[in-house]
Amino acid sequence: MELPLTWDAWKKSLAAAFGTAEFLGLSEARIKDLAYHLGNFLASKVEPGTPEHRLLKELWDAGTEQERQALTGMLVKMLEREKAPRQY
């Protein structure tokens, strides 16, 4: 299975999903836990469709559990920044 989304579309989809999770009252820790499990699923079942997805998969595959948790945390933080209003 291949992930057919562009990098930007993928980020928007995940940001929307995390926004929904926050709206439903899930804690940041729970969202990170769910994102970690999603990362495991994607790394094992989905073929990367873009260079960015390939990089994430390679980082995931090379990392220890602790490093994967850190990567997950950084991705969640990146997505939180994506939804924040831009300051000019």
C-alpha atoms as a PDB file:
ATOM      1  CA  MET A   1       0.000   0.000   0.000  1.00  0.00           C
ATOM      2  CA  GLU A   2       1.294   3.472  -0.877  1.00  0.00           C
ATOM      3  CA  LEU A   3       0.466   6.774   0.790  1.00  0.00           C
ATOM      4  CA  PRO A   4      -0.929   8.823  -2.138  1.00  0.00           C
ATOM      5  CA  LEU A   5      -0.801  12.237  -0.461  1.00  0.00           C
ATOM      6  CA  THR A   6       1.673  15.016  -1.064  1.00  0.00           C
ATOM      7  CA  TRP A   7       3.689  16.121   1.959  1.00  0.00           C
ATOM      8  CA  ASP A   8       1.543  19.237   2.469  1.00  0.00           C
ATOM      9  CA  ALA A   9      -1.724  17.316   2.066  1.00  0.00           C
ATOM     10  CA  TRP A  10      -0.463  14.679   4.524  1.00  0.00           C
ATOM     11  CA  LYS A  11       0.417  17.344   7.099  1.00  0.00           C
ATOM     12  CA  LYS A  12      -2.996  18.998   6.691  1.00  0.00           C
ATOM     13  CA  SER A  13      -4.763  15.638   7.115  1.00  0.00           C
ATOM     14  CA  LEU A  14      -2.836  14.821  10.272  1.00  0.00           C
ATOM     15  CA  ALA A  15      -3.279  18.336  11.663  1.00  0.00           C
ATOM     16  CA  ALA A  16      -7.041  18.005  11.116  1.00  0.00           C
ATOM     17  CA  ALA A  17      -7.072  14.610  12.839  1.00  0.00           C
ATOM     18  CA  PHE A  18      -5.113  15.983  15.801  1.00  0.00           C
ATOM     19  CA  GLY A  19      -7.431  18.994  15.956  1.00  0.00           C
ATOM     20  CA  THR A  20     -10.383  16.626  16.140  1.00  0.00           C
ATOM     21  CA  ALA A  21      -8.667  14.641  18.899  1.00  0.00           C
ATOM     22  CA  GLU A  22      -8.099  17.853  20.876  1.00  0.00           C
ATOM     23  CA  PHE A  23     -11.732  18.890  20.311  1.00  0.00           C
ATOM     24  CA  LEU A  24     -12.820  15.520  21.700  1.00  0.00           C
ATOM     25  CA  GLY A  25     -10.770  16.214  24.827  1.00  0.00           C
ATOM     26  CA  LEU A  26      -7.806  13.903  24.317  1.00  0.00           C
ATOM     27  CA  SER A  27      -4.703  14.994  26.187  1.00  0.00           C
ATOM     28  CA  GLU A  28      -1.479  15.836  24.371  1.00  0.00           C
ATOM     29  CA  ALA A  29       0.097  12.712  25.880  1.00  0.00           C
ATOM     30  CA  ARG A  30      -2.726  10.548  24.481  1.00  0.00           C
ATOM     31  CA  ILE A  31      -2.454  12.205  21.069  1.00  0.00           C
ATOM     32  CA  LYS A  32       1.304  11.512  21.024  1.00  0.00           C
ATOM     33  CA  ASP A  33       0.644   7.889  22.010  1.00  0.00           C
ATOM     34  CA  LEU A  34      -1.864   7.483  19.180  1.00  0.00           C
ATOM     35  CA  ALA A  35       0.555   9.174  16.764  1.00  0.00           C
ATOM     36  CA  TYR A  36       3.290   6.751  17.844  1.00  0.00           C
ATOM     37  CA  HIS A  37       1.039   3.773  17.074  1.00  0.00           C
ATOM     38  CA  LEU A  38       0.087   5.341  13.750  1.00  0.00           C
ATOM     39  CA  GLY A  39       3.805   5.708  12.973  1.00  0.00           C
ATOM     40  CA  ASN A  40       4.365   2.016  13.678  1.00  0.00           C
ATOM     41  CA  PHE A  41       1.489   1.094  11.386  1.00  0.00           C
ATOM     42  CA  LEU A  42       2.632   3.377   8.566  1.00  0.00           C
ATOM     43  CA  ALA A  43       6.254   2.226   8.818  1.00  0.00           C
ATOM     44  CA  SER A  44       5.265  -1.431   8.568  1.00  0.00           C
ATOM     45  CA  LYS A  45       2.318  -1.328   6.144  1.00  0.00           C
ATOM     46  CA  VAL A  46       2.557   1.714   3.881  1.00  0.00           C
ATOM     47  CA  GLU A  47       5.070   2.364   1.124  1.00  0.00           C
ATOM     48  CA  PRO A  48       6.322   5.974   1.235  1.00  0.00           C
ATOM     49  CA  GLY A  49       4.938   7.993  -1.663  1.00  0.00           C
ATOM     50  CA  THR A  50       7.153  11.078  -1.430  1.00  0.00           C
ATOM     51  CA  PRO A  51      10.791  11.789  -0.518  1.00  0.00           C
ATOM     52  CA  GLU A  52       9.592  13.270   2.783  1.00  0.00           C
ATOM     53  CA  HIS A  53       7.632  10.138   3.644  1.00  0.00           C
ATOM     54  CA  ARG A  54      10.675   8.020   2.708  1.00  0.00           C
ATOM     55  CA  LEU A  55      12.857  10.090   5.076  1.00  0.00           C
ATOM     56  CA  LEU A  56      10.370   9.650   7.926  1.00  0.00           C
ATOM     57  CA  LYS A  57      10.268   5.888   7.315  1.00  0.00           C
ATOM     58  CA  GLU A  58      14.063   5.653   7.272  1.00  0.00           C
ATOM     59  CA  LEU A  59      14.328   7.662  10.504  1.00  0.00           C
ATOM     60  CA  TRP A  60      11.606   5.505  12.087  1.00  0.00           C
ATOM     61  CA  ASP A  61      13.262   2.262  11.015  1.00  0.00           C
ATOM     62  CA  ALA A  62      16.681   3.398  12.276  1.00  0.00           C
ATOM     63  CA  GLY A  63      15.441   4.715  15.625  1.00  0.00           C
ATOM     64  CA  THR A  64      15.108   3.082  18.993  1.00  0.00           C
ATOM     65  CA  GLU A  65      11.740   3.210  20.748  1.00  0.00           C
ATOM     66  CA  GLN A  66      12.877   6.326  22.617  1.00  0.00           C
ATOM     67  CA  GLU A  67      14.005   7.996  19.381  1.00  0.00           C
ATOM     68  CA  ARG A  68      10.707   7.102  17.724  1.00  0.00           C
ATOM     69  CA  GLN A  69       8.859   8.680  20.658  1.00  0.00           C
ATOM     70  CA  ALA A  70      10.977  11.826  20.198  1.00  0.00           C
ATOM     71  CA  LEU A  71      10.267  11.863  16.452  1.00  0.00           C
ATOM     72  CA  THR A  72       6.560  11.508  17.178  1.00  0.00           C
ATOM     73  CA  GLY A  73       6.720  14.417  19.614  1.00  0.00           C
ATOM     74  CA  MET A  74       8.465  16.601  17.041  1.00  0.00           C
ATOM     75  CA  LEU A  75       5.891  15.733  14.381  1.00  0.00           C
ATOM     76  CA  VAL A  76       3.005  16.565  16.729  1.00  0.00           C
ATOM     77  CA  LYS A  77       4.693  19.869  17.586  1.00  0.00           C
ATOM     78  CA  MET A  78       5.202  20.623  13.873  1.00  0.00           C
ATOM     79  CA  LEU A  79       1.532  19.958  13.194  1.00  0.00           C
ATOM     80  CA  GLU A  80       0.484  22.171  16.113  1.00  0.00           C
ATOM     81  CA  ARG A  81       2.542  24.989  14.597  1.00  0.00           C
ATOM     82  CA  GLU A  82       0.892  24.373  11.211  1.00  0.00           C
ATOM     83  CA  LYS A  83      -2.542  25.105  12.629  1.00  0.00           C
ATOM     84  CA  ALA A  84      -1.450  28.170  14.603  1.00  0.00           C
ATOM     85  CA  PRO A  85      -2.121  31.526  12.919  1.00  0.00           C
ATOM     86  CA  ARG A  86       0.936  32.899  11.189  1.00  0.00           C
ATOM     87  CA  GLN A  87       2.541  35.991  12.730  1.00  0.00           C
ATOM     88  CA  TYR A  88       3.948  38.467  10.218  1.00  0.00           C
END
